[in-house]
Amino acid sequence: MNRQQLQARWAALAPRERSLVAGAATLVALALAWWIALAPAIATLGSAEAQHRALDAQVAQMQRLQAQAKAMQALPRQNPDEAMRQLEAAIRQQFGTSARYSIAGDRVTLTLVNVPAAALAQWLAQVRTNARAIPGEAKLTRNASGGWDGSVVLTLPAR
């Protein structure tokens, strides 16, 4: 339909029909404005505070990690032999007979059998700090008794 035909149909409508069509068009325009412009903006405002809290928590975590990294960088370089002794002591202390390890250059492969998650986390923190070993690869699976089986590959400080 062209514009003249629409104007002719509009003029042919009774005043009551014109007001109903205008009301329906206004209602459709308001609904579109709500769904396209207002509802997404209100939803964003509603979730902004929770997102802000989550981002603040992430920033705080990153700052803690940054401080920890700077503290570790400030430590004097460690002798590789001392690092190996620290690592072996940590393995014996945390895992006892539930872990075996093999050394290939500056890489140590630790094989674990039924190790509790808390002991593994504590051991990783300990060797990272004391032996300055960096975990490079981990292949772990949770066994039926709730422990962890698998292997962890660590890199020791270069000679």
Protein backbone atom coordinates (compact mmCIF):
# COMPACT_ATOMS: atom_id res chain seq x y z
CA MET A 1 0.00 0.00 0.00
CA ASN A 2 1.20 3.47 -0.76
CA ARG A 3 0.82 6.53 1.38
CA GLN A 4 -2.29 7.88 -0.36
CA GLN A 5 -4.14 4.61 0.10
CA LEU A 6 -3.23 4.55 3.80
CA GLN A 7 -4.44 8.12 4.25
CA ALA A 8 -7.68 7.27 2.47
CA ARG A 9 -8.27 4.23 4.71
CA TRP A 10 -7.45 6.31 7.79
CA ALA A 11 -9.94 8.98 6.75
CA ALA A 12 -12.57 6.30 6.12
CA LEU A 13 -12.31 5.01 9.68
CA ALA A 14 -14.79 6.17 12.27
CA PRO A 15 -13.36 8.39 15.03
CA ARG A 16 -13.73 5.58 17.55
CA GLU A 17 -11.81 3.16 15.28
CA ARG A 18 -9.08 5.77 14.75
CA SER A 19 -8.61 6.17 18.48
CA LEU A 20 -8.47 2.38 18.96
CA VAL A 21 -5.87 1.98 16.17
CA ALA A 22 -3.85 4.90 17.57
CA GLY A 23 -4.05 3.36 21.06
CA ALA A 24 -2.92 -0.04 19.76
CA ALA A 25 -0.03 1.56 17.85
CA THR A 26 0.97 3.49 20.97
CA LEU A 27 0.82 0.32 23.03
CA VAL A 28 3.01 -1.55 20.53
CA ALA A 29 5.49 1.36 20.44
CA LEU A 30 5.68 1.45 24.25
CA ALA A 31 6.16 -2.35 24.44
CA LEU A 32 8.97 -2.18 21.87
CA ALA A 33 10.61 0.69 23.73
CA TRP A 34 10.41 -1.33 26.96
CA TRP A 35 11.83 -4.55 25.49
CA ILE A 36 14.53 -2.90 23.42
CA ALA A 37 15.66 0.05 25.52
CA LEU A 38 14.44 0.04 29.11
CA ALA A 39 14.33 -3.59 30.29
CA PRO A 40 17.97 -4.42 29.40
CA ALA A 41 19.17 -1.20 31.03
CA ILE A 42 17.21 -1.89 34.23
CA ALA A 43 18.49 -5.48 34.31
CA THR A 44 22.06 -4.20 33.95
CA LEU A 45 21.55 -1.75 36.79
CA GLY A 46 20.10 -4.51 38.94
CA SER A 47 23.07 -6.82 38.43
CA ALA A 48 25.74 -4.11 38.53
CA GLU A 49 26.26 -4.27 42.29
CA ALA A 50 26.79 -8.04 42.32
CA GLN A 51 29.18 -7.78 39.36
CA HIS A 52 31.03 -4.98 41.13
CA ARG A 53 31.47 -7.13 44.26
CA ALA A 54 32.70 -10.06 42.16
CA LEU A 55 35.19 -7.84 40.35
CA ASP A 56 36.40 -6.36 43.63
CA ALA A 57 37.02 -9.88 44.93
CA GLN A 58 38.95 -10.73 41.77
CA VAL A 59 41.05 -7.58 42.10
CA ALA A 60 41.82 -8.40 45.74
CA GLN A 61 42.84 -11.95 44.76
CA MET A 62 45.08 -10.63 41.97
CA GLN A 63 46.69 -8.17 44.38
CA ARG A 64 47.37 -10.99 46.87
CA LEU A 65 48.93 -13.07 44.12
CA GLN A 66 50.99 -10.09 42.97
CA ALA A 67 52.28 -9.51 46.51
CA GLN A 68 53.11 -13.21 46.82
CA ALA A 69 54.95 -13.19 43.49
CA LYS A 70 56.94 -10.10 44.46
CA ALA A 71 57.86 -11.69 47.80
CA MET A 72 59.05 -14.82 46.01
CA GLN A 73 61.05 -12.75 43.51
CA ALA A 74 62.74 -10.94 46.38
CA LEU A 75 64.02 -14.22 47.84
CA PRO A 76 67.68 -14.99 47.04
CA ARG A 77 68.35 -17.54 44.28
CA GLN A 78 68.41 -21.05 45.58
CA ASN A 79 71.04 -23.67 44.87
CA PRO A 80 69.52 -26.48 42.74
CA ASP A 81 70.92 -29.11 45.10
CA GLU A 82 69.23 -27.40 48.05
CA ALA A 83 66.00 -27.19 46.04
CA MET A 84 66.19 -30.95 45.41
CA ARG A 85 66.74 -31.62 49.11
CA GLN A 86 63.77 -29.41 50.00
CA LEU A 87 61.60 -31.20 47.45
CA GLU A 88 62.58 -34.68 48.65
CA ALA A 89 61.94 -33.68 52.27
CA ALA A 90 58.52 -32.29 51.37
CA ILE A 91 57.60 -35.50 49.51
CA ARG A 92 58.61 -37.70 52.45
CA GLN A 93 56.90 -35.41 54.98
CA GLN A 94 53.55 -35.01 53.15
CA PHE A 95 53.10 -38.28 51.28
CA GLY A 96 55.35 -40.91 52.84
CA THR A 97 54.96 -44.09 50.81
CA SER A 98 51.98 -42.95 48.76
CA ALA A 99 54.21 -41.11 46.28
CA ARG A 100 57.18 -41.98 44.07
CA TYR A 101 59.33 -39.56 42.13
CA SER A 102 61.85 -39.62 39.33
CA ILE A 103 64.36 -36.93 38.37
CA ALA A 104 65.34 -36.02 34.80
CA GLY A 105 67.54 -32.93 34.72
CA ASP A 106 65.65 -30.05 36.28
CA ARG A 107 62.28 -31.85 35.95
CA VAL A 108 60.82 -34.05 38.66
CA THR A 109 57.88 -36.35 37.99
CA LEU A 110 55.90 -37.27 41.09
CA THR A 111 53.51 -40.23 40.93
CA LEU A 112 50.74 -40.16 43.53
CA VAL A 113 48.47 -42.90 44.86
CA ASN A 114 45.41 -42.10 47.01
CA VAL A 115 46.68 -38.72 48.22
CA PRO A 116 44.18 -36.50 50.12
CA ALA A 117 43.39 -33.19 48.40
CA ALA A 118 44.42 -31.13 51.45
CA ALA A 119 47.82 -32.83 51.61
CA LEU A 120 48.37 -32.26 47.89
CA ALA A 121 47.46 -28.57 48.12
CA GLN A 122 49.68 -28.07 51.17
CA TRP A 123 52.56 -29.89 49.48
CA LEU A 124 52.26 -27.80 46.29
CA ALA A 125 52.38 -24.58 48.33
CA GLN A 126 55.33 -25.88 50.33
CA VAL A 127 57.47 -26.91 47.34
CA ARG A 128 56.64 -23.72 45.49
CA THR A 129 57.90 -21.65 48.40
CA ASN A 130 60.71 -23.77 49.84
CA ALA A 131 62.12 -25.61 46.81
CA ARG A 132 60.94 -22.97 44.32
CA ALA A 133 59.60 -25.76 42.15
CA ILE A 134 57.08 -24.77 39.50
CA PRO A 135 54.27 -27.21 38.67
CA GLY A 136 54.25 -27.60 34.90
CA GLU A 137 51.87 -30.48 34.28
CA ALA A 138 49.37 -32.43 36.35
CA LYS A 139 47.36 -35.50 35.40
CA LEU A 140 45.21 -36.33 38.40
CA THR A 141 42.05 -38.36 38.83
CA ARG A 142 39.86 -38.74 41.87
CA ASN A 143 39.64 -42.35 43.02
CA ALA A 144 36.74 -44.14 44.70
CA SER A 145 38.04 -43.49 48.22
CA GLY A 146 38.19 -39.71 47.65
CA GLY A 147 41.97 -39.45 47.21
CA TRP A 148 43.90 -38.39 44.14
CA ASP A 149 45.89 -40.65 41.83
CA GLY A 150 48.12 -39.50 38.99
CA SER A 151 51.27 -37.55 38.32
CA VAL A 152 52.62 -34.04 38.74
CA VAL A 153 55.63 -32.73 36.81
CA LEU A 154 57.66 -29.99 38.50
CA THR A 155 60.46 -27.83 37.19
CA LEU A 156 63.25 -26.98 39.64
CA PRO A 157 65.40 -23.82 39.52
CA ALA A 158 67.96 -23.90 36.72
CA ARG A 159 71.54 -24.73 37.56
